[in-house]
Amino acid sequence: MSKSIFYHAGCPVCVDAEQELVTLLGADNVSVVNIGEERARISEAEAVGVKSVPALLTPNGNVLHINYGASIEDVKA
């Protein structure tokens, strides 16, 4: 994986974090996944270790949970 993946659920906290990360990392270096809208990708997020959103999956596979917004379980409900 060469890009980071930013998972979020579309809440204001998540959108703010998305804007900051895209500014910091550059739009070409991060893929944004709104699992609130792309619900089929929730299982993908869980498989890589996302426990809450917003979260950033780094290119080397580390998951960085950012400013706790919602648990994956909350998003699934």
PDB file of N, CA and C in Angstrom:
ATOM      1  N   MET A   1       0.851  -1.169   0.000  1.00  0.00           N
ATOM      2  CA  MET A   1       0.000   0.000   0.000  1.00  0.00           C
ATOM      3  C   MET A   1       0.895   1.230   0.000  1.00  0.00           C
ATOM      4  N   SER A   2       0.662   2.120  -0.921  1.00  0.00           N
ATOM      5  CA  SER A   2       1.495   3.319  -1.006  1.00  0.00           C
ATOM      6  C   SER A   2       0.802   4.568  -0.480  1.00  0.00           C
ATOM      7  N   LYS A   3      -0.505   4.520  -0.317  1.00  0.00           N
ATOM      8  CA  LYS A   3      -1.262   5.659   0.188  1.00  0.00           C
ATOM      9  C   LYS A   3      -1.789   5.344   1.587  1.00  0.00           C
ATOM     10  N   SER A   4      -2.007   6.380   2.358  1.00  0.00           N
ATOM     11  CA  SER A   4      -2.745   6.229   3.601  1.00  0.00           C
ATOM     12  C   SER A   4      -4.227   6.174   3.251  1.00  0.00           C
ATOM     13  N   ILE A   5      -5.012   5.527   4.115  1.00  0.00           N
ATOM     14  CA  ILE A   5      -6.460   5.500   3.936  1.00  0.00           C
ATOM     15  C   ILE A   5      -7.077   6.121   5.180  1.00  0.00           C
ATOM     16  N   PHE A   6      -7.898   7.130   4.986  1.00  0.00           N
ATOM     17  CA  PHE A   6      -8.568   7.806   6.084  1.00  0.00           C
ATOM     18  C   PHE A   6     -10.017   7.352   6.095  1.00  0.00           C
ATOM     19  N   TYR A   7     -10.400   6.658   7.167  1.00  0.00           N
ATOM     20  CA  TYR A   7     -11.767   6.182   7.337  1.00  0.00           C
ATOM     21  C   TYR A   7     -12.511   7.141   8.252  1.00  0.00           C
ATOM     22  N   HIS A   8     -13.732   7.508   7.861  1.00  0.00           N
ATOM     23  CA  HIS A   8     -14.556   8.336   8.736  1.00  0.00           C
ATOM     24  C   HIS A   8     -16.027   8.061   8.447  1.00  0.00           C
ATOM     25  N   ALA A   9     -16.894   8.693   9.259  1.00  0.00           N
ATOM     26  CA  ALA A   9     -18.331   8.429   9.141  1.00  0.00           C
ATOM     27  C   ALA A   9     -19.139   9.656   8.725  1.00  0.00           C
ATOM     28  N   GLY A  10     -18.468  10.742   8.365  1.00  0.00           N
ATOM     29  CA  GLY A  10     -19.161  11.910   7.856  1.00  0.00           C
ATOM     30  C   GLY A  10     -19.594  12.936   8.885  1.00  0.00           C
ATOM     31  N   CYS A  11     -19.318  12.691  10.161  1.00  0.00           N
ATOM     32  CA  CYS A  11     -19.706  13.662  11.194  1.00  0.00           C
ATOM     33  C   CYS A  11     -18.794  14.890  11.114  1.00  0.00           C
ATOM     34  N   PRO A  12     -19.162  15.987  11.748  1.00  0.00           N
ATOM     35  CA  PRO A  12     -18.337  17.201  11.696  1.00  0.00           C
ATOM     36  C   PRO A  12     -16.899  16.990  12.186  1.00  0.00           C
ATOM     37  N   VAL A  13     -16.715  16.194  13.243  1.00  0.00           N
ATOM     38  CA  VAL A  13     -15.359  15.901  13.730  1.00  0.00           C
ATOM     39  C   VAL A  13     -14.556  15.197  12.644  1.00  0.00           C
ATOM     40  N   CYS A  14     -15.180  14.239  11.986  1.00  0.00           N
ATOM     41  CA  CYS A  14     -14.511  13.470  10.929  1.00  0.00           C
ATOM     42  C   CYS A  14     -14.159  14.340   9.730  1.00  0.00           C
ATOM     43  N   VAL A  15     -15.092  15.183   9.322  1.00  0.00           N
ATOM     44  CA  VAL A  15     -14.859  16.046   8.159  1.00  0.00           C
ATOM     45  C   VAL A  15     -13.720  17.030   8.442  1.00  0.00           C
ATOM     46  N   ASP A  16     -13.695  17.583   9.647  1.00  0.00           N
ATOM     47  CA  ASP A  16     -12.588  18.475  10.021  1.00  0.00           C
ATOM     48  C   ASP A  16     -11.259  17.741   9.981  1.00  0.00           C
ATOM     49  N   ALA A  17     -11.238  16.520  10.528  1.00  0.00           N
ATOM     50  CA  ALA A  17     -10.005  15.721  10.511  1.00  0.00           C
ATOM     51  C   ALA A  17      -9.589  15.393   9.084  1.00  0.00           C
ATOM     52  N   GLU A  18     -10.560  15.079   8.226  1.00  0.00           N
ATOM     53  CA  GLU A  18     -10.267  14.796   6.814  1.00  0.00           C
ATOM     54  C   GLU A  18      -9.578  15.996   6.160  1.00  0.00           C
ATOM     55  N   GLN A  19     -10.131  17.178   6.353  1.00  0.00           N
ATOM     56  CA  GLN A  19      -9.558  18.372   5.735  1.00  0.00           C
ATOM     57  C   GLN A  19      -8.135  18.621   6.222  1.00  0.00           C
ATOM     58  N   GLU A  20      -7.906  18.444   7.517  1.00  0.00           N
ATOM     59  CA  GLU A  20      -6.560  18.641   8.078  1.00  0.00           C
ATOM     60  C   GLU A  20      -5.571  17.622   7.517  1.00  0.00           C
ATOM     61  N   LEU A  21      -5.987  16.355   7.452  1.00  0.00           N
ATOM     62  CA  LEU A  21      -5.073  15.312   6.967  1.00  0.00           C
ATOM     63  C   LEU A  21      -4.759  15.477   5.486  1.00  0.00           C
ATOM     64  N   VAL A  22      -5.760  15.817   4.706  1.00  0.00           N
ATOM     65  CA  VAL A  22      -5.505  16.026   3.272  1.00  0.00           C
ATOM     66  C   VAL A  22      -4.543  17.197   3.086  1.00  0.00           C
ATOM     67  N   THR A  23      -4.697  18.243   3.880  1.00  0.00           N
ATOM     68  CA  THR A  23      -3.775  19.374   3.812  1.00  0.00           C
ATOM     69  C   THR A  23      -2.367  18.959   4.230  1.00  0.00           C
ATOM     70  N   LEU A  24      -2.258  18.200   5.305  1.00  0.00           N
ATOM     71  CA  LEU A  24      -0.945  17.782   5.812  1.00  0.00           C
ATOM     72  C   LEU A  24      -0.242  16.764   4.905  1.00  0.00           C
ATOM     73  N   LEU A  25      -1.004  15.771   4.443  1.00  0.00           N
ATOM     74  CA  LEU A  25      -0.412  14.671   3.683  1.00  0.00           C
ATOM     75  C   LEU A  25      -0.421  14.896   2.179  1.00  0.00           C
ATOM     76  N   GLY A  26      -1.342  15.720   1.704  1.00  0.00           N
ATOM     77  CA  GLY A  26      -1.504  15.933   0.270  1.00  0.00           C
ATOM     78  C   GLY A  26      -2.557  14.986  -0.288  1.00  0.00           C
ATOM     79  N   ALA A  27      -3.402  15.499  -1.133  1.00  0.00           N
ATOM     80  CA  ALA A  27      -4.515  14.718  -1.687  1.00  0.00           C
ATOM     81  C   ALA A  27      -4.051  13.472  -2.433  1.00  0.00           C
ATOM     82  N   ASP A  28      -2.848  13.503  -2.998  1.00  0.00           N
ATOM     83  CA  ASP A  28      -2.339  12.342  -3.734  1.00  0.00           C
ATOM     84  C   ASP A  28      -1.833  11.237  -2.811  1.00  0.00           C
ATOM     85  N   ASN A  29      -1.710  11.531  -1.519  1.00  0.00           N
ATOM     86  CA  ASN A  29      -1.128  10.576  -0.580  1.00  0.00           C
ATOM     87  C   ASN A  29      -2.134   9.949   0.369  1.00  0.00           C
ATOM     88  N   VAL A  30      -3.391  10.341   0.254  1.00  0.00           N
ATOM     89  CA  VAL A  30      -4.411   9.795   1.150  1.00  0.00           C
ATOM     90  C   VAL A  30      -5.702   9.532   0.387  1.00  0.00           C
ATOM     91  N   SER A  31      -6.260   8.360   0.630  1.00  0.00           N
ATOM     92  CA  SER A  31      -7.554   7.995   0.069  1.00  0.00           C
ATOM     93  C   SER A  31      -8.582   8.135   1.183  1.00  0.00           C
ATOM     94  N   VAL A  32      -9.690   8.789   0.909  1.00  0.00           N
ATOM     95  CA  VAL A  32     -10.704   9.043   1.933  1.00  0.00           C
ATOM     96  C   VAL A  32     -11.881   8.093   1.720  1.00  0.00           C
ATOM     97  N   VAL A  33     -12.272   7.415   2.812  1.00  0.00           N
ATOM     98  CA  VAL A  33     -13.399   6.491   2.766  1.00  0.00           C
ATOM     99  C   VAL A  33     -14.404   6.900   3.836  1.00  0.00           C
ATOM    100  N   ASN A  34     -15.571   7.336   3.404  1.00  0.00           N
ATOM    101  CA  ASN A  34     -16.650   7.668   4.324  1.00  0.00           C
ATOM    102  C   ASN A  34     -17.489   6.410   4.499  1.00  0.00           C
ATOM    103  N   ILE A  35     -17.251   5.688   5.611  1.00  0.00           N
ATOM    104  CA  ILE A  35     -17.965   4.429   5.810  1.00  0.00           C
ATOM    105  C   ILE A  35     -19.428   4.653   6.206  1.00  0.00           C
ATOM    106  N   GLY A  36     -19.779   5.886   6.496  1.00  0.00           N
ATOM    107  CA  GLY A  36     -21.182   6.211   6.696  1.00  0.00           C
ATOM    108  C   GLY A  36     -21.949   6.110   5.391  1.00  0.00           C
ATOM    109  N   GLU A  37     -21.278   6.422   4.294  1.00  0.00           N
ATOM    110  CA  GLU A  37     -21.879   6.342   2.960  1.00  0.00           C
ATOM    111  C   GLU A  37     -21.496   5.050   2.247  1.00  0.00           C
ATOM    112  N   GLU A  38     -20.259   4.594   2.438  1.00  0.00           N
ATOM    113  CA  GLU A  38     -19.763   3.372   1.792  1.00  0.00           C
ATOM    114  C   GLU A  38     -19.775   2.232   2.811  1.00  0.00           C
ATOM    115  N   ARG A  39     -20.977   1.842   3.228  1.00  0.00           N
ATOM    116  CA  ARG A  39     -21.138   0.874   4.309  1.00  0.00           C
ATOM    117  C   ARG A  39     -20.518  -0.483   3.993  1.00  0.00           C
ATOM    118  N   ALA A  40     -20.394  -0.828   2.735  1.00  0.00           N
ATOM    119  CA  ALA A  40     -19.779  -2.099   2.350  1.00  0.00           C
ATOM    120  C   ALA A  40     -18.303  -2.147   2.744  1.00  0.00           C
ATOM    121  N   ARG A  41     -17.716  -0.988   3.025  1.00  0.00           N
ATOM    122  CA  ARG A  41     -16.285  -0.945   3.370  1.00  0.00           C
ATOM    123  C   ARG A  41     -16.041  -0.988   4.878  1.00  0.00           C
ATOM    124  N   ILE A  42     -17.118  -1.101   5.671  1.00  0.00           N
ATOM    125  CA  ILE A  42     -16.948  -1.224   7.120  1.00  0.00           C
ATOM    126  C   ILE A  42     -16.135  -2.465   7.458  1.00  0.00           C
ATOM    127  N   SER A  43     -16.436  -3.583   6.820  1.00  0.00           N
ATOM    128  CA  SER A  43     -15.696  -4.822   7.111  1.00  0.00           C
ATOM    129  C   SER A  43     -14.226  -4.683   6.732  1.00  0.00           C
ATOM    130  N   GLU A  44     -13.929  -3.941   5.681  1.00  0.00           N
ATOM    131  CA  GLU A  44     -12.537  -3.660   5.295  1.00  0.00           C
ATOM    132  C   GLU A  44     -11.831  -2.892   6.409  1.00  0.00           C
ATOM    133  N   ALA A  45     -12.502  -1.867   6.922  1.00  0.00           N
ATOM    134  CA  ALA A  45     -11.926  -1.064   8.001  1.00  0.00           C
ATOM    135  C   ALA A  45     -11.674  -1.931   9.237  1.00  0.00           C
ATOM    136  N   GLU A  46     -12.643  -2.756   9.591  1.00  0.00           N
ATOM    137  CA  GLU A  46     -12.478  -3.640  10.746  1.00  0.00           C
ATOM    138  C   GLU A  46     -11.319  -4.608  10.543  1.00  0.00           C
ATOM    139  N   ALA A  47     -11.189  -5.127   9.332  1.00  0.00           N
ATOM    140  CA  ALA A  47     -10.139  -6.119   9.038  1.00  0.00           C
ATOM    141  C   ALA A  47      -8.733  -5.552   9.215  1.00  0.00           C
ATOM    142  N   VAL A  48      -8.568  -4.251   8.995  1.00  0.00           N
ATOM    143  CA  VAL A  48      -7.237  -3.647   9.147  1.00  0.00           C
ATOM    144  C   VAL A  48      -7.006  -3.112  10.560  1.00  0.00           C
ATOM    145  N   GLY A  49      -8.040  -3.207  11.428  1.00  0.00           N
ATOM    146  CA  GLY A  49      -7.859  -2.816  12.810  1.00  0.00           C
ATOM    147  C   GLY A  49      -8.516  -1.530  13.252  1.00  0.00           C
ATOM    148  N   VAL A  50      -9.370  -0.952  12.408  1.00  0.00           N
ATOM    149  CA  VAL A  50     -10.068   0.277  12.797  1.00  0.00           C
ATOM    150  C   VAL A  50     -11.113  -0.079  13.850  1.00  0.00           C
ATOM    151  N   LYS A  51     -11.027   0.583  14.999  1.00  0.00           N
ATOM    152  CA  LYS A  51     -11.962   0.361  16.111  1.00  0.00           C
ATOM    153  C   LYS A  51     -12.927   1.531  16.272  1.00  0.00           C
ATOM    154  N   SER A  52     -12.515   2.706  15.810  1.00  0.00           N
ATOM    155  CA  SER A  52     -13.349   3.899  15.877  1.00  0.00           C
ATOM    156  C   SER A  52     -12.935   4.823  14.740  1.00  0.00           C
ATOM    157  N   VAL A  53     -13.826   5.722  14.410  1.00  0.00           N
ATOM    158  CA  VAL A  53     -13.516   6.704  13.373  1.00  0.00           C
ATOM    159  C   VAL A  53     -13.603   8.092  13.984  1.00  0.00           C
ATOM    160  N   PRO A  54     -12.838   9.017  13.481  1.00  0.00           N
ATOM    161  CA  PRO A  54     -11.925   8.939  12.349  1.00  0.00           C
ATOM    162  C   PRO A  54     -10.649   8.162  12.684  1.00  0.00           C
ATOM    163  N   ALA A  55     -10.112   7.503  11.658  1.00  0.00           N
ATOM    164  CA  ALA A  55      -8.883   6.731  11.801  1.00  0.00           C
ATOM    165  C   ALA A  55      -8.104   6.764  10.499  1.00  0.00           C
ATOM    166  N   LEU A  56      -6.792   6.736  10.633  1.00  0.00           N
ATOM    167  CA  LEU A  56      -5.908   6.764   9.466  1.00  0.00           C
ATOM    168  C   LEU A  56      -5.103   5.477   9.431  1.00  0.00           C
ATOM    169  N   LEU A  57      -5.200   4.753   8.319  1.00  0.00           N
ATOM    170  CA  LEU A  57      -4.371   3.571   8.082  1.00  0.00           C
ATOM    171  C   LEU A  57      -3.151   4.030   7.307  1.00  0.00           C
ATOM    172  N   THR A  58      -1.974   3.864   7.894  1.00  0.00           N
ATOM    173  CA  THR A  58      -0.747   4.320   7.251  1.00  0.00           C
ATOM    174  C   THR A  58      -0.282   3.305   6.212  1.00  0.00           C
ATOM    175  N   PRO A  59       0.598   3.705   5.301  1.00  0.00           N
ATOM    176  CA  PRO A  59       1.083   2.783   4.274  1.00  0.00           C
ATOM    177  C   PRO A  59       1.759   1.526   4.833  1.00  0.00           C
ATOM    178  N   ASN A  60       2.302   1.610   6.052  1.00  0.00           N
ATOM    179  CA  ASN A  60       2.944   0.406   6.613  1.00  0.00           C
ATOM    180  C   ASN A  60       2.003  -0.388   7.501  1.00  0.00           C
ATOM    181  N   GLY A  61       0.701  -0.070   7.490  1.00  0.00           N
ATOM    182  CA  GLY A  61      -0.301  -0.893   8.160  1.00  0.00           C
ATOM    183  C   GLY A  61      -0.680  -0.488   9.567  1.00  0.00           C
ATOM    184  N   ASN A  62      -0.168   0.604  10.064  1.00  0.00           N
ATOM    185  CA  ASN A  62      -0.553   1.077  11.393  1.00  0.00           C
ATOM    186  C   ASN A  62      -1.865   1.852  11.315  1.00  0.00           C
ATOM    187  N   VAL A  63      -2.729   1.645  12.299  1.00  0.00           N
ATOM    188  CA  VAL A  63      -3.984   2.384  12.374  1.00  0.00           C
ATOM    189  C   VAL A  63      -3.842   3.441  13.462  1.00  0.00           C
ATOM    190  N   LEU A  64      -4.033   4.688  13.073  1.00  0.00           N
ATOM    191  CA  LEU A  64      -3.970   5.811  14.003  1.00  0.00           C
ATOM    192  C   LEU A  64      -5.397   6.294  14.237  1.00  0.00           C
ATOM    193  N   HIS A  65      -5.893   6.078  15.455  1.00  0.00           N
ATOM    194  CA  HIS A  65      -7.238   6.539  15.808  1.00  0.00           C
ATOM    195  C   HIS A  65      -7.134   7.999  16.219  1.00  0.00           C
ATOM    196  N   ILE A  66      -7.947   8.825  15.589  1.00  0.00           N
ATOM    197  CA  ILE A  66      -7.840  10.277  15.733  1.00  0.00           C
ATOM    198  C   ILE A  66      -9.095  10.831  16.400  1.00  0.00           C
ATOM    199  N   ASN A  67      -8.924  11.561  17.489  1.00  0.00           N
ATOM    200  CA  ASN A  67     -10.022  12.324  18.092  1.00  0.00           C
ATOM    201  C   ASN A  67     -11.324  11.541  18.075  1.00  0.00           C
ATOM    202  N   TYR A  68     -11.420  10.558  18.926  1.00  0.00           N
ATOM    203  CA  TYR A  68     -12.552   9.625  18.967  1.00  0.00           C
ATOM    204  C   TYR A  68     -13.880  10.290  18.599  1.00  0.00           C
ATOM    205  N   GLY A  69     -14.488   9.780  17.528  1.00  0.00           N
ATOM    206  CA  GLY A  69     -15.764  10.301  17.064  1.00  0.00           C
ATOM    207  C   GLY A  69     -16.887   9.294  17.259  1.00  0.00           C
ATOM    208  N   ALA A  70     -16.696   8.070  16.761  1.00  0.00           N
ATOM    209  CA  ALA A  70     -17.711   7.027  16.882  1.00  0.00           C
ATOM    210  C   ALA A  70     -17.048   5.667  16.748  1.00  0.00           C
ATOM    211  N   SER A  71     -17.555   4.707  17.509  1.00  0.00           N
ATOM    212  CA  SER A  71     -17.024   3.351  17.379  1.00  0.00           C
ATOM    213  C   SER A  71     -17.545   2.729  16.081  1.00  0.00           C
ATOM    214  N   ILE A  72     -16.859   1.724  15.599  1.00  0.00           N
ATOM    215  CA  ILE A  72     -17.308   0.991  14.414  1.00  0.00           C
ATOM    216  C   ILE A  72     -18.695   0.408  14.690  1.00  0.00           C
ATOM    217  N   GLU A  73     -18.913  -0.070  15.904  1.00  0.00           N
ATOM    218  CA  GLU A  73     -20.220  -0.629  16.254  1.00  0.00           C
ATOM    219  C   GLU A  73     -21.324   0.408  16.118  1.00  0.00           C
ATOM    220  N   ASP A  74     -21.043   1.647  16.503  1.00  0.00           N
ATOM    221  CA  ASP A  74     -22.033   2.721  16.354  1.00  0.00           C
ATOM    222  C   ASP A  74     -22.337   2.982  14.879  1.00  0.00           C
ATOM    223  N   VAL A  75     -21.305   2.941  14.050  1.00  0.00           N
ATOM    224  CA  VAL A  75     -21.487   3.204  12.621  1.00  0.00           C
ATOM    225  C   VAL A  75     -22.291   2.083  11.967  1.00  0.00           C
ATOM    226  N   LYS A  76     -22.079   0.853  12.425  1.00  0.00           N
ATOM    227  CA  LYS A  76     -22.785  -0.298  11.859  1.00  0.00           C
ATOM    228  C   LYS A  76     -24.272  -0.266  12.198  1.00  0.00           C
ATOM    229  N   ALA A  77     -24.626   0.359  13.300  1.00  0.00           N
ATOM    230  CA  ALA A  77     -26.026   0.344  13.762  1.00  0.00           C
ATOM    231  C   ALA A  77     -26.935   1.190  12.892  1.00  0.00           C
TER     232      ALA A  77
END
